Amino acid sequence: MEILFGIIPILFVLIIYLGPIVFIVWFAIKIIKIQKEQTEILLRIADKLEK
């Protein structure tokens, strides 16, 4: 039981420090995907305008 009380604070610290890092990485990947999709759409529009 004492081991459990020693592990719980470590888990909370890991969640507090790693949570924002994971969120930032996920957010950056999401934005990069959206930018790629927008670039593809704009390239298709530009090709149609050139024809």
C-alpha atoms as a PDB file:
ATOM      1  CA  MET A   1       0.000   0.000   0.000  1.00  0.00           C
ATOM      2  CA  GLU A   2       2.897   2.357   0.716  1.00  0.00           C
ATOM      3  CA  ILE A   3       4.257   1.762  -2.776  1.00  0.00           C
ATOM      4  CA  LEU A   4       0.944   2.911  -4.217  1.00  0.00           C
ATOM      5  CA  PHE A   5       1.132   6.161  -2.268  1.00  0.00           C
ATOM      6  CA  GLY A   6       4.663   6.650  -3.636  1.00  0.00           C
ATOM      7  CA  ILE A   7       3.657   6.012  -7.253  1.00  0.00           C
ATOM      8  CA  ILE A   8       0.567   8.241  -7.356  1.00  0.00           C
ATOM      9  CA  PRO A   9       2.442  11.566  -6.959  1.00  0.00           C
ATOM     10  CA  ILE A  10       4.916  10.508  -9.644  1.00  0.00           C
ATOM     11  CA  LEU A  11       2.040   9.786 -12.020  1.00  0.00           C
ATOM     12  CA  PHE A  12       0.457  13.174 -11.307  1.00  0.00           C
ATOM     13  CA  VAL A  13       3.776  14.940 -11.981  1.00  0.00           C
ATOM     14  CA  LEU A  14       4.196  13.059 -15.263  1.00  0.00           C
ATOM     15  CA  ILE A  15       0.664  13.964 -16.336  1.00  0.00           C
ATOM     16  CA  ILE A  16       1.173  17.611 -15.412  1.00  0.00           C
ATOM     17  CA  TYR A  17       4.465  17.902 -17.328  1.00  0.00           C
ATOM     18  CA  LEU A  18       3.824  15.559 -20.256  1.00  0.00           C
ATOM     19  CA  GLY A  19       0.202  16.559 -20.846  1.00  0.00           C
ATOM     20  CA  PRO A  20       0.941  20.004 -22.294  1.00  0.00           C
ATOM     21  CA  ILE A  21       3.809  18.653 -24.395  1.00  0.00           C
ATOM     22  CA  VAL A  22       1.583  15.958 -25.896  1.00  0.00           C
ATOM     23  CA  PHE A  23      -1.140  18.537 -26.539  1.00  0.00           C
ATOM     24  CA  ILE A  24       1.288  20.901 -28.290  1.00  0.00           C
ATOM     25  CA  VAL A  25       2.629  18.115 -30.524  1.00  0.00           C
ATOM     26  CA  TRP A  26      -0.919  16.974 -31.386  1.00  0.00           C
ATOM     27  CA  PHE A  27      -1.972  20.564 -32.137  1.00  0.00           C
ATOM     28  CA  ALA A  28       1.066  21.156 -34.379  1.00  0.00           C
ATOM     29  CA  ILE A  29       0.405  17.952 -36.334  1.00  0.00           C
ATOM     30  CA  LYS A  30      -3.258  18.916 -36.736  1.00  0.00           C
ATOM     31  CA  ILE A  31      -2.344  22.376 -38.065  1.00  0.00           C
ATOM     32  CA  ILE A  32       0.191  20.904 -40.506  1.00  0.00           C
ATOM     33  CA  LYS A  33      -2.466  18.515 -41.872  1.00  0.00           C
ATOM     34  CA  ILE A  34      -4.952  21.355 -42.317  1.00  0.00           C
ATOM     35  CA  GLN A  35      -2.317  23.469 -44.084  1.00  0.00           C
ATOM     36  CA  LYS A  36      -1.520  20.604 -46.468  1.00  0.00           C
ATOM     37  CA  GLU A  37      -5.205  20.176 -47.313  1.00  0.00           C
ATOM     38  CA  GLN A  38      -5.619  23.898 -47.935  1.00  0.00           C
ATOM     39  CA  THR A  39      -2.524  23.935 -50.153  1.00  0.00           C
ATOM     40  CA  GLU A  40      -3.883  21.049 -52.233  1.00  0.00           C
ATOM     41  CA  ILE A  41      -7.221  22.825 -52.646  1.00  0.00           C
ATOM     42  CA  LEU A  42      -5.533  26.060 -53.677  1.00  0.00           C
ATOM     43  CA  LEU A  43      -3.330  24.208 -56.181  1.00  0.00           C
ATOM     44  CA  ARG A  44      -6.421  22.614 -57.747  1.00  0.00           C
ATOM     45  CA  ILE A  45      -8.103  26.024 -57.983  1.00  0.00           C
ATOM     46  CA  ALA A  46      -4.980  27.545 -59.545  1.00  0.00           C
ATOM     47  CA  ASP A  47      -4.835  24.725 -62.128  1.00  0.00           C
ATOM     48  CA  LYS A  48      -8.482  25.292 -63.051  1.00  0.00           C
ATOM     49  CA  LEU A  49      -7.893  29.030 -63.427  1.00  0.00           C
ATOM     50  CA  GLU A  50      -4.920  28.473 -65.752  1.00  0.00           C
ATOM     51  CA  LYS A  51      -6.966  26.349 -68.172  1.00  0.00           C
END
